[in-house]
Amino acid sequence: MDLTTDLKQNILFVRVDEARLDAAGVLEFKEDMRKITESAPERVVLDLGRVTFLDSSGLGALVAVLKLMAPHTKFELAQVKGAVAQVFKLTRMDTVFTIYDTPQDALTAISTS
């Protein structure tokens, strides 16, 4: 799974550089996220802007990542759009995750909270 990380203002931004988050890649995604977030700061923002397809396995992987975060770590999302946003709305997962329009919005909201 191709993931890019960037640390800004003590917030770990992780970008999924893949078009699909589905059954074919979720095991690798979960393992990569586990490694990336082992020593993460108190906030992690996952940028899904390049993801155009998310199935139930991908959604389950996001929930699994949420559960493996340390209790003090917030796991938030950015750029959930198109068909991926529809999956979140249909499953009501948009009420489980904090979702920002852009990573910059996440940075602004986080730095002002």
Protein backbone atom coordinates (compact mmCIF):
# COMPACT_ATOMS: atom_id res chain seq x y z
CA MET A 1 0.00 0.00 0.00
CA ASP A 2 1.42 3.35 -1.00
CA LEU A 3 1.15 5.76 1.94
CA THR A 4 2.85 9.13 2.36
CA THR A 5 3.39 10.69 5.78
CA ASP A 6 3.97 14.27 6.85
CA LEU A 7 4.29 15.66 10.36
CA LYS A 8 2.98 19.22 10.78
CA GLN A 9 2.43 20.98 14.08
CA ASN A 10 2.59 17.67 15.96
CA ILE A 11 -0.12 16.14 13.73
CA LEU A 12 0.67 13.10 11.64
CA PHE A 13 -0.86 13.35 8.17
CA VAL A 14 -1.03 10.10 6.21
CA ARG A 15 -2.08 10.19 2.55
CA VAL A 16 -3.33 7.08 0.77
CA ASP A 17 -1.69 7.23 -2.65
CA GLU A 18 -3.92 4.55 -4.13
CA ALA A 19 -7.22 4.76 -6.01
CA ARG A 20 -8.73 1.79 -4.20
CA LEU A 21 -9.03 0.74 -0.58
CA ASP A 22 -10.58 -2.68 -0.93
CA ALA A 23 -10.19 -6.34 -0.03
CA ALA A 24 -7.08 -6.67 -2.19
CA GLY A 25 -5.05 -4.21 -0.12
CA VAL A 26 -6.55 -3.97 3.35
CA LEU A 27 -4.16 -6.34 5.10
CA GLU A 28 -1.18 -4.36 3.86
CA PHE A 29 -2.95 -1.08 4.66
CA LYS A 30 -3.67 -2.11 8.25
CA GLU A 31 -0.12 -3.35 8.81
CA ASP A 32 1.41 -0.21 7.28
CA MET A 33 -0.86 2.01 9.38
CA ARG A 34 0.04 0.04 12.52
CA LYS A 35 3.73 0.66 11.87
CA ILE A 36 3.25 4.31 10.94
CA THR A 37 1.13 5.11 14.00
CA GLU A 38 3.08 3.13 16.63
CA SER A 39 4.64 6.31 17.96
CA ALA A 40 2.16 8.78 16.49
CA PRO A 41 1.37 12.09 18.12
CA GLU A 42 -2.06 12.70 19.66
CA ARG A 43 -3.70 13.32 16.27
CA VAL A 44 -3.54 11.38 13.03
CA VAL A 45 -5.33 12.61 9.89
CA LEU A 46 -5.78 10.15 7.03
CA ASP A 47 -6.13 11.86 3.64
CA LEU A 48 -8.39 9.82 1.35
CA GLY A 49 -8.39 12.38 -1.48
CA ARG A 50 -6.89 9.97 -4.02
CA VAL A 51 -9.17 7.07 -3.08
CA THR A 52 -12.03 6.72 -5.56
CA PHE A 53 -13.26 3.28 -4.48
CA LEU A 54 -13.86 1.92 -0.99
CA ASP A 55 -15.63 -1.36 -0.28
CA SER A 56 -16.77 -2.88 3.00
CA SER A 57 -13.30 -4.36 3.56
CA GLY A 58 -11.77 -0.91 3.21
CA LEU A 59 -14.30 0.52 5.62
CA GLY A 60 -13.56 -2.29 8.05
CA ALA A 61 -9.85 -1.54 7.75
CA LEU A 62 -10.46 2.09 8.71
CA VAL A 63 -12.40 0.96 11.78
CA ALA A 64 -9.60 -1.49 12.63
CA VAL A 65 -7.04 1.32 12.41
CA LEU A 66 -9.26 3.47 14.64
CA LYS A 67 -9.34 0.68 17.22
CA LEU A 68 -5.59 0.13 17.22
CA MET A 69 -4.84 3.77 17.97
CA ALA A 70 -3.63 4.51 21.47
CA PRO A 71 -6.48 5.70 23.72
CA HIS A 72 -5.17 9.27 23.69
CA THR A 73 -4.83 9.43 19.87
CA LYS A 74 -7.52 10.95 17.65
CA PHE A 75 -7.90 9.37 14.20
CA GLU A 76 -9.56 11.73 11.72
CA LEU A 77 -10.12 11.76 7.96
CA ALA A 78 -9.77 14.34 5.20
CA GLN A 79 -10.95 14.57 1.59
CA VAL A 80 -13.62 11.88 1.72
CA LYS A 81 -15.42 12.54 -1.54
CA GLY A 82 -17.44 11.07 -4.40
CA ALA A 83 -18.33 7.40 -4.16
CA VAL A 84 -16.25 7.05 -0.99
CA ALA A 85 -18.34 9.75 0.72
CA GLN A 86 -21.48 7.91 -0.34
CA VAL A 87 -20.24 4.73 1.36
CA PHE A 88 -19.62 6.72 4.55
CA LYS A 89 -23.10 8.27 4.41
CA LEU A 90 -24.90 5.00 3.65
CA THR A 91 -23.16 3.19 6.49
CA ARG A 92 -23.40 6.22 8.81
CA MET A 93 -19.66 6.03 9.35
CA ASP A 94 -19.63 9.76 8.71
CA THR A 95 -20.97 10.02 12.28
CA VAL A 96 -18.13 7.86 13.67
CA PHE A 97 -15.20 9.71 12.11
CA THR A 98 -14.42 13.40 12.14
CA ILE A 99 -14.10 14.27 8.45
CA TYR A 100 -12.48 17.43 7.07
CA ASP A 101 -12.86 18.73 3.53
CA THR A 102 -9.10 19.15 3.13
CA PRO A 103 -5.96 18.37 5.14
CA GLN A 104 -5.50 22.13 5.56
CA ASP A 105 -8.96 22.34 7.16
CA ALA A 106 -7.89 19.60 9.56
CA LEU A 107 -4.74 21.50 10.41
CA THR A 108 -6.65 24.73 10.97
CA ALA A 109 -9.36 23.08 13.07
CA ILE A 110 -6.85 21.14 15.11
CA SER A 111 -4.61 24.12 15.76
CA THR A 112 -7.55 26.27 16.90
CA SER A 113 -9.14 23.65 19.19
